[in-house]
Amino acid sequence: MIGYYIIAGLIFIVSLYVSNKLKSKFKTYSKVYLQNGMSGKEIAEKMLHDNGIFDVKVISTPGMLTDHYNPQKKTVNLSESVYTQRNAASAAVAAHECGHAVQHAQAYSWLQMRSQLVPGVSVASRFSQWVILGGLVLMATTAFGSTILLVGIFLYAMGTLFSFITLPVEYDASKRALVWLESKNMLSPQEHDAAEDSLKWAARTYVVAAVGSLATLMYFVSIYLGRN
């Protein structure tokens, strides 16, 4: 298990760095105020309407960096600061979440695939670590432990697959956001650069999560193969 703790430690350090960098970037770009004076809410509503989407509501949600699109309720949920503030960071986040709404409206294949996996992944992620742990413990006393470990690896692999499918979904939403912001002349060059950098660092959090999940999965697979 020492190898697992080393991998987990490295992933934690990189994840912490990217997370802190993201927060720092958003803090900096929250001071780059928009010349057009629009709030995150207004940016989101305009992007939705420009894309012919009128059945999605833009609402405020508590917390920081809690922004997300809910395809079931058809709501773009913006954190309180993004919803009300009028800066480059808010514009970037608001447009990005609307990018997901556009994906939904246009039946973007990667988003559909991710949505189909959500029920299974939510169950798998809840039990995979416990099943793997049980398999590792039982392997020392019974051959059945290998089977349990394999089941746990399969469950964990579902989460890993989900994290990689999430990458094109997130990058595409950011691309749609930046293209719209530029094509509609919503931001000045300085504001656009700030928005683009914000979204790049946000995307890197998903990359770190995916790579970390894959590294952990490969570690568990190596244990299974080594015992068999």
Protein backbone atom coordinates (compact mmCIF):
# COMPACT_ATOMS: atom_id res chain seq x y z
CA MET A 1 0.00 0.00 0.00
CA ILE A 2 3.04 2.30 0.24
CA GLY A 3 2.96 2.76 -3.53
CA TYR A 4 -0.66 3.86 -3.34
CA TYR A 5 0.11 6.48 -0.71
CA ILE A 6 3.00 7.82 -2.81
CA ILE A 7 0.76 8.14 -5.87
CA ALA A 8 -2.04 9.67 -3.81
CA GLY A 9 0.41 12.13 -2.25
CA LEU A 10 1.78 13.27 -5.60
CA ILE A 11 -1.71 13.67 -7.02
CA PHE A 12 -2.75 15.67 -3.97
CA ILE A 13 0.22 18.03 -4.30
CA VAL A 14 -0.37 18.68 -8.01
CA SER A 15 -4.11 19.04 -7.46
CA LEU A 16 -3.53 21.50 -4.62
CA TYR A 17 -1.17 23.56 -6.79
CA VAL A 18 -3.61 23.75 -9.71
CA SER A 19 -6.52 24.53 -7.38
CA ASN A 20 -4.62 27.35 -5.65
CA LYS A 21 -3.45 28.68 -9.01
CA LEU A 22 -7.04 28.68 -10.27
CA LYS A 23 -8.25 30.60 -7.22
CA SER A 24 -5.38 33.07 -7.63
CA LYS A 25 -6.21 33.60 -11.31
CA PHE A 26 -9.88 34.19 -10.57
CA LYS A 27 -8.99 36.63 -7.81
CA THR A 28 -6.76 38.55 -10.20
CA TYR A 29 -9.21 38.55 -13.11
CA SER A 30 -12.07 39.53 -10.81
CA LYS A 31 -10.39 42.95 -10.79
CA VAL A 32 -10.50 43.22 -14.59
CA TYR A 33 -13.83 44.99 -14.90
CA LEU A 34 -15.84 44.76 -18.12
CA GLN A 35 -16.15 47.85 -20.26
CA ASN A 36 -19.66 46.75 -21.29
CA GLY A 37 -20.72 46.71 -17.61
CA MET A 38 -22.59 43.39 -17.89
CA SER A 39 -22.92 40.99 -14.97
CA GLY A 40 -22.35 37.25 -15.18
CA LYS A 41 -26.13 36.76 -15.21
CA GLU A 42 -26.56 39.15 -18.13
CA ILE A 43 -23.68 37.56 -20.06
CA ALA A 44 -25.24 34.12 -19.57
CA GLU A 45 -28.72 35.21 -20.64
CA LYS A 46 -27.39 36.91 -23.77
CA MET A 47 -25.33 33.88 -24.81
CA LEU A 48 -28.33 31.59 -24.33
CA HIS A 49 -30.61 33.85 -26.37
CA ASP A 50 -27.99 34.33 -29.10
CA ASN A 51 -27.94 30.55 -29.46
CA GLY A 52 -31.73 30.32 -29.65
CA ILE A 53 -32.10 28.85 -26.15
CA PHE A 54 -35.06 30.30 -24.25
CA ASP A 55 -36.05 27.42 -21.94
CA VAL A 56 -32.95 27.56 -19.70
CA LYS A 57 -32.98 29.72 -16.58
CA VAL A 58 -29.93 31.47 -15.11
CA ILE A 59 -29.99 31.24 -11.32
CA SER A 60 -27.68 32.03 -8.41
CA THR A 61 -26.24 29.23 -6.26
CA PRO A 62 -24.34 29.55 -2.94
CA GLY A 63 -20.59 29.06 -2.64
CA MET A 64 -17.43 29.80 -4.62
CA LEU A 65 -16.62 28.00 -7.89
CA THR A 66 -19.91 26.08 -7.55
CA ASP A 67 -20.98 27.06 -11.05
CA HIS A 68 -22.56 24.30 -13.16
CA TYR A 69 -25.21 23.50 -15.74
CA ASN A 70 -28.07 21.20 -14.72
CA PRO A 71 -29.45 19.42 -17.82
CA GLN A 72 -32.36 17.86 -15.90
CA LYS A 73 -33.69 21.17 -14.54
CA LYS A 74 -32.34 23.18 -17.48
CA THR A 75 -30.67 25.77 -15.28
CA VAL A 76 -27.35 27.55 -15.53
CA ASN A 77 -26.28 27.78 -11.90
CA LEU A 78 -23.83 30.59 -11.22
CA SER A 79 -22.11 31.14 -7.87
CA GLU A 80 -23.17 34.33 -6.13
CA SER A 81 -20.06 36.31 -7.11
CA VAL A 82 -20.19 35.23 -10.76
CA TYR A 83 -23.94 35.94 -10.93
CA THR A 84 -23.65 39.55 -9.76
CA GLN A 85 -20.14 40.75 -10.59
CA ARG A 86 -19.08 42.48 -13.81
CA ASN A 87 -15.55 41.31 -14.55
CA ALA A 88 -13.58 39.04 -16.89
CA ALA A 89 -13.63 36.05 -14.53
CA SER A 90 -17.40 36.19 -14.17
CA ALA A 91 -17.87 36.54 -17.92
CA ALA A 92 -15.64 33.51 -18.54
CA VAL A 93 -17.46 31.27 -16.08
CA ALA A 94 -20.93 32.38 -17.14
CA ALA A 95 -20.18 31.82 -20.83
CA HIS A 96 -18.54 28.45 -20.10
CA GLU A 97 -21.61 27.14 -18.27
CA CYS A 98 -23.80 28.36 -21.10
CA GLY A 99 -21.48 26.41 -23.38
CA HIS A 100 -22.81 23.28 -21.68
CA ALA A 101 -26.38 24.43 -22.27
CA VAL A 102 -25.56 24.87 -25.97
CA GLN A 103 -24.03 21.38 -26.02
CA HIS A 104 -27.23 20.02 -24.52
CA ALA A 105 -29.43 21.85 -27.01
CA GLN A 106 -27.33 20.58 -29.92
CA ALA A 107 -27.10 17.01 -28.58
CA TYR A 108 -23.31 17.12 -28.31
CA SER A 109 -22.24 13.45 -28.35
CA TRP A 110 -19.65 13.61 -25.55
CA LEU A 111 -22.12 15.33 -23.22
CA GLN A 112 -24.76 12.71 -24.01
CA MET A 113 -22.28 9.94 -23.29
CA ARG A 114 -21.30 11.51 -19.97
CA SER A 115 -24.93 11.96 -18.95
CA GLN A 116 -25.65 8.30 -19.65
CA LEU A 117 -22.79 7.27 -17.37
CA VAL A 118 -23.81 9.44 -14.42
CA PRO A 119 -26.16 6.95 -12.65
CA GLY A 120 -23.70 4.06 -12.86
CA VAL A 121 -20.69 6.17 -11.93
CA SER A 122 -22.42 7.66 -8.89
CA VAL A 123 -22.94 4.14 -7.51
CA ALA A 124 -19.51 2.87 -8.56
CA SER A 125 -17.64 5.80 -6.99
CA ARG A 126 -19.48 5.23 -3.72
CA PHE A 127 -18.40 1.62 -3.35
CA SER A 128 -15.24 1.10 -5.43
CA GLN A 129 -12.71 2.03 -2.72
CA TRP A 130 -14.40 -0.19 -0.14
CA VAL A 131 -14.59 -3.15 -2.54
CA ILE A 132 -10.92 -2.71 -3.48
CA LEU A 133 -9.91 -2.49 0.17
CA GLY A 134 -11.92 -5.61 0.96
CA GLY A 135 -10.28 -7.44 -1.93
CA LEU A 136 -6.79 -6.46 -0.79
CA VAL A 137 -7.47 -7.67 2.75
CA LEU A 138 -9.05 -10.96 1.66
CA MET A 139 -6.29 -11.71 -0.84
CA ALA A 140 -4.01 -12.49 2.08
CA THR A 141 -6.29 -15.27 3.31
CA THR A 142 -8.40 -16.51 0.38
CA ALA A 143 -8.25 -16.78 -3.41
CA PHE A 144 -11.71 -15.18 -3.56
CA GLY A 145 -10.06 -11.92 -2.59
CA SER A 146 -8.67 -11.55 -6.13
CA THR A 147 -12.19 -11.69 -7.56
CA ILE A 148 -13.40 -9.02 -5.16
CA LEU A 149 -10.40 -6.84 -6.04
CA LEU A 150 -11.18 -7.25 -9.74
CA VAL A 151 -14.77 -6.13 -9.14
CA GLY A 152 -13.47 -3.10 -7.27
CA ILE A 153 -11.09 -2.29 -10.11
CA PHE A 154 -13.96 -2.46 -12.59
CA LEU A 155 -16.02 -0.06 -10.47
CA TYR A 156 -13.07 2.31 -10.13
CA ALA A 157 -12.45 2.11 -13.90
CA MET A 158 -15.95 3.47 -14.51
CA GLY A 159 -15.01 6.60 -12.59
CA THR A 160 -11.74 6.88 -14.52
CA LEU A 161 -13.58 6.57 -17.83
CA PHE A 162 -16.03 9.25 -16.70
CA SER A 163 -13.20 11.64 -15.83
CA PHE A 164 -11.67 11.26 -19.30
CA ILE A 165 -15.01 11.68 -21.08
CA THR A 166 -15.44 14.88 -19.06
CA LEU A 167 -12.33 16.41 -20.65
CA PRO A 168 -13.68 16.99 -24.18
CA VAL A 169 -16.97 18.17 -22.67
CA GLU A 170 -15.23 20.84 -20.59
CA TYR A 171 -12.78 21.94 -23.27
CA ASP A 172 -15.54 22.20 -25.87
CA ALA A 173 -17.69 24.30 -23.53
CA SER A 174 -14.76 26.69 -23.01
CA LYS A 175 -14.14 26.86 -26.75
CA ARG A 176 -17.79 27.69 -27.41
CA ALA A 177 -17.67 30.35 -24.70
CA LEU A 178 -14.54 32.05 -26.06
CA VAL A 179 -15.74 31.95 -29.67
CA TRP A 180 -19.05 33.56 -28.69
CA LEU A 181 -17.40 36.20 -26.50
CA GLU A 182 -15.10 37.15 -29.38
CA SER A 183 -17.62 36.95 -32.22
CA LYS A 184 -20.10 39.16 -30.36
CA ASN A 185 -17.38 41.63 -29.29
CA MET A 186 -18.38 41.16 -25.67
CA LEU A 187 -14.87 41.74 -24.32
CA SER A 188 -11.91 43.98 -25.01
CA PRO A 189 -8.63 42.23 -25.96
CA GLN A 190 -7.36 42.47 -22.36
CA GLU A 191 -10.63 41.14 -20.98
CA HIS A 192 -10.67 38.30 -23.51
CA ASP A 193 -7.12 37.25 -22.58
CA ALA A 194 -8.10 37.21 -18.91
CA ALA A 195 -11.21 35.12 -19.63
CA GLU A 196 -9.22 32.67 -21.75
CA ASP A 197 -6.56 32.22 -19.07
CA SER A 198 -9.25 31.68 -16.42
CA LEU A 199 -10.83 28.88 -18.44
CA LYS A 200 -7.46 27.26 -19.17
CA TRP A 201 -6.70 26.89 -15.48
CA ALA A 202 -10.21 25.66 -14.77
CA ALA A 203 -9.77 22.97 -17.43
CA ARG A 204 -6.46 21.87 -15.89
CA THR A 205 -8.27 20.80 -12.73
CA TYR A 206 -10.13 18.20 -14.80
CA VAL A 207 -6.89 17.04 -16.46
CA VAL A 208 -5.24 16.51 -13.07
CA ALA A 209 -8.27 14.58 -11.82
CA ALA A 210 -8.31 12.33 -14.90
CA VAL A 211 -4.56 11.60 -14.84
CA GLY A 212 -4.67 10.98 -11.11
CA SER A 213 -7.57 8.57 -11.46
CA LEU A 214 -5.77 6.69 -14.24
CA ALA A 215 -2.54 6.43 -12.23
CA THR A 216 -4.43 5.03 -9.24
CA LEU A 217 -6.30 2.58 -11.46
CA MET A 218 -3.04 1.32 -12.99
CA TYR A 219 -1.62 0.81 -9.51
CA PHE A 220 -4.54 -1.39 -8.46
CA VAL A 221 -4.33 -3.31 -11.75
CA SER A 222 -0.62 -3.97 -11.14
CA ILE A 223 -1.43 -5.40 -7.71
CA TYR A 224 -4.07 -7.69 -9.20
CA LEU A 225 -1.74 -8.91 -11.94
CA GLY A 226 1.10 -9.36 -9.48
CA ARG A 227 -1.00 -11.61 -7.25
CA ASN A 228 -2.31 -13.66 -10.18
